[in-house]
Amino acid sequence: MKNLHLYQLQLTWTGNRGQGTAGYTAYERNHTLSIPGKPAILGSSDPVFRGDPSMHNPEELLLASLASCHMLWYLHLCAENGIVVTDYIDNPSGTMQESDNGSGRFTEVTLRPTVTVKDEKMLEKAKSLHKSANQYCFIANSVNFAVHHEPICKTDG
């Protein structure tokens, strides 16, 4: 093992309407994620689970973590391989399956990055680096479901 990294934050439930959890409908699912020196993230549950649709939910944040981690590794690998990326946009999606007992789990995520590279001769190499980025991605290495990739690589011209 090379290094051990510790990440910390504070999660504060803000959904007490005065009765606490006296009943399933008596409280809001709202909460705040705080990390010193960074803007707070307002969270809730998915609206399907009585959450506030204007706030981020854990499922969206998991999807965002996978997409962000993949992009960061991909850009790193492109820089190391002499590929100049000029634009990167991803439109990922994830599927979560609820269980009969009310729990659930993600069954898959598909990342759909559209990457623009400067040199047309680097298109194939640019596309192939998505596989390597997935192998390095800390978040993808931490989940127990498939992370698929449907990359599109194009040039500026």
Protein backbone atom coordinates (compact mmCIF):
# COMPACT_ATOMS: atom_id res chain seq x y z
CA MET A 1 0.00 0.00 0.00
CA LYS A 2 1.30 3.41 -0.93
CA ASN A 3 -0.67 5.97 1.10
CA LEU A 4 -3.71 6.03 3.30
CA HIS A 5 -6.02 9.02 2.72
CA LEU A 6 -8.69 10.10 5.19
CA TYR A 7 -11.73 12.10 4.12
CA GLN A 8 -14.08 13.73 6.58
CA LEU A 9 -17.15 15.91 6.51
CA GLN A 10 -20.06 16.79 8.74
CA LEU A 11 -23.61 15.74 7.92
CA THR A 12 -26.35 17.62 9.81
CA TRP A 13 -29.99 16.58 9.60
CA THR A 14 -32.11 19.71 9.15
CA GLY A 15 -35.50 18.07 8.69
CA ASN A 16 -36.91 18.09 12.23
CA ARG A 17 -40.31 19.81 12.04
CA GLY A 18 -40.58 19.86 15.83
CA GLN A 19 -41.69 16.27 16.37
CA GLY A 20 -38.51 14.50 15.32
CA THR A 21 -39.23 11.10 13.84
CA ALA A 22 -42.57 10.64 15.64
CA GLY A 23 -43.93 9.21 12.39
CA TYR A 24 -42.77 8.48 8.85
CA THR A 25 -44.41 11.65 7.51
CA ALA A 26 -43.52 13.81 10.52
CA TYR A 27 -40.03 14.77 9.34
CA GLU A 28 -38.22 16.02 6.27
CA ARG A 29 -35.27 14.20 4.75
CA ASN A 30 -33.24 17.41 4.38
CA HIS A 31 -29.64 17.62 5.51
CA THR A 32 -26.48 19.63 4.96
CA LEU A 33 -23.07 18.27 4.04
CA SER A 34 -20.32 20.54 5.34
CA ILE A 35 -16.63 20.40 4.58
CA PRO A 36 -14.43 23.16 6.04
CA GLY A 37 -13.54 25.83 3.50
CA LYS A 38 -16.05 24.65 0.88
CA PRO A 39 -19.65 25.56 0.04
CA ALA A 40 -22.24 23.45 1.83
CA ILE A 41 -24.19 20.87 -0.15
CA LEU A 42 -27.90 20.77 0.59
CA GLY A 43 -29.18 17.24 0.46
CA SER A 44 -32.40 15.31 0.78
CA SER A 45 -33.67 11.94 -0.32
CA ASP A 46 -34.97 11.24 -3.79
CA PRO A 47 -38.47 12.74 -4.18
CA VAL A 48 -39.83 9.19 -4.55
CA PHE A 49 -38.76 8.69 -0.91
CA ARG A 50 -40.35 11.93 0.37
CA GLY A 51 -37.32 14.08 -0.46
CA ASP A 52 -37.04 17.66 -1.64
CA PRO A 53 -36.55 17.67 -5.44
CA SER A 54 -34.60 20.94 -5.30
CA MET A 55 -31.78 19.32 -3.29
CA HIS A 56 -29.13 16.75 -4.19
CA ASN A 57 -29.83 13.17 -3.18
CA PRO A 58 -27.31 10.44 -2.33
CA GLU A 59 -27.97 8.55 -5.54
CA GLU A 60 -27.17 11.61 -7.67
CA LEU A 61 -24.04 12.27 -5.62
CA LEU A 62 -22.84 8.69 -6.13
CA LEU A 63 -23.33 9.08 -9.88
CA ALA A 64 -21.52 12.44 -9.79
CA SER A 65 -18.63 10.90 -7.84
CA LEU A 66 -18.17 8.13 -10.41
CA ALA A 67 -18.33 10.53 -13.37
CA SER A 68 -15.98 13.06 -11.75
CA CYS A 69 -13.41 10.47 -10.71
CA HIS A 70 -13.42 8.91 -14.18
CA MET A 71 -12.98 12.30 -15.84
CA LEU A 72 -10.10 13.30 -13.58
CA TRP A 73 -8.22 10.05 -14.23
CA TYR A 74 -8.99 10.25 -17.94
CA LEU A 75 -7.61 13.79 -18.24
CA HIS A 76 -4.52 12.72 -16.27
CA LEU A 77 -3.89 9.79 -18.61
CA CYS A 78 -4.45 11.95 -21.70
CA ALA A 79 -1.91 14.49 -20.44
CA GLU A 80 0.61 11.70 -19.80
CA ASN A 81 0.04 10.30 -23.30
CA GLY A 82 0.35 13.60 -25.17
CA ILE A 83 -3.35 13.86 -25.99
CA VAL A 84 -4.63 17.42 -25.80
CA VAL A 85 -8.26 17.39 -24.61
CA THR A 86 -10.09 20.64 -25.29
CA ASP A 87 -13.58 19.68 -24.05
CA TYR A 88 -15.17 16.97 -21.91
CA ILE A 89 -18.89 16.52 -21.21
CA ASP A 90 -20.46 13.47 -19.61
CA ASN A 91 -24.12 12.50 -19.35
CA PRO A 92 -24.02 9.49 -17.02
CA SER A 93 -26.98 7.47 -15.81
CA GLY A 94 -27.38 4.89 -13.09
CA THR A 95 -29.94 2.20 -12.36
CA MET A 96 -31.00 1.42 -8.81
CA GLN A 97 -33.17 -1.59 -8.01
CA GLU A 98 -35.38 -1.57 -4.93
CA SER A 99 -35.70 -4.82 -2.99
CA ASP A 100 -38.92 -6.25 -1.59
CA ASN A 101 -37.84 -5.28 1.95
CA GLY A 102 -37.45 -1.59 0.99
CA SER A 103 -33.67 -1.57 0.64
CA GLY A 104 -32.01 -1.26 -2.72
CA ARG A 105 -28.77 -1.14 -4.62
CA PHE A 106 -27.30 0.25 -7.79
CA THR A 107 -27.07 -2.45 -10.44
CA GLU A 108 -25.11 -0.46 -13.01
CA VAL A 109 -23.89 2.95 -14.09
CA THR A 110 -23.14 4.04 -17.63
CA LEU A 111 -20.81 6.94 -18.29
CA ARG A 112 -21.28 8.70 -21.63
CA PRO A 113 -18.39 11.11 -22.03
CA THR A 114 -18.02 13.16 -25.19
CA VAL A 115 -14.39 14.15 -25.46
CA THR A 116 -12.92 16.62 -27.92
CA VAL A 117 -9.22 16.22 -28.70
CA LYS A 118 -6.99 18.53 -30.69
CA ASP A 119 -5.25 15.98 -32.94
CA GLU A 120 -7.29 13.64 -35.14
CA LYS A 121 -4.42 11.10 -35.09
CA MET A 122 -4.99 10.65 -31.35
CA LEU A 123 -8.69 9.69 -31.55
CA GLU A 124 -8.22 5.93 -31.15
CA LYS A 125 -5.75 6.31 -28.29
CA ALA A 126 -8.06 8.86 -26.64
CA LYS A 127 -10.96 6.41 -26.81
CA SER A 128 -8.88 3.51 -25.47
CA LEU A 129 -7.81 5.48 -22.38
CA HIS A 130 -11.34 5.29 -20.96
CA LYS A 131 -10.67 1.65 -20.06
CA SER A 132 -7.49 2.62 -18.21
CA ALA A 133 -9.24 5.50 -16.45
CA ASN A 134 -11.86 3.05 -15.18
CA GLN A 135 -9.13 0.77 -13.82
CA TYR A 136 -7.56 3.66 -11.90
CA CYS A 137 -10.74 5.41 -10.70
CA PHE A 138 -10.91 5.25 -6.89
CA ILE A 139 -14.71 5.34 -6.84
CA ALA A 140 -15.21 2.74 -9.60
CA ASN A 141 -12.82 0.47 -7.69
CA SER A 142 -14.98 0.88 -4.58
CA VAL A 143 -18.42 -0.04 -5.91
CA ASN A 144 -19.90 -3.51 -6.31
CA PHE A 145 -21.73 -2.94 -9.60
CA ALA A 146 -20.72 -2.58 -13.23
CA VAL A 147 -19.55 0.79 -14.52
CA HIS A 148 -19.98 0.86 -18.30
CA HIS A 149 -18.52 3.40 -20.72
CA GLU A 150 -19.95 4.68 -23.99
CA PRO A 151 -17.36 7.29 -24.96
CA ILE A 152 -17.46 9.48 -28.03
CA CYS A 153 -14.17 11.03 -29.11
CA LYS A 154 -14.02 13.76 -31.73
CA THR A 155 -11.76 16.57 -32.87
CA ASP A 156 -12.12 20.34 -32.75
CA GLY A 157 -12.65 20.55 -36.49
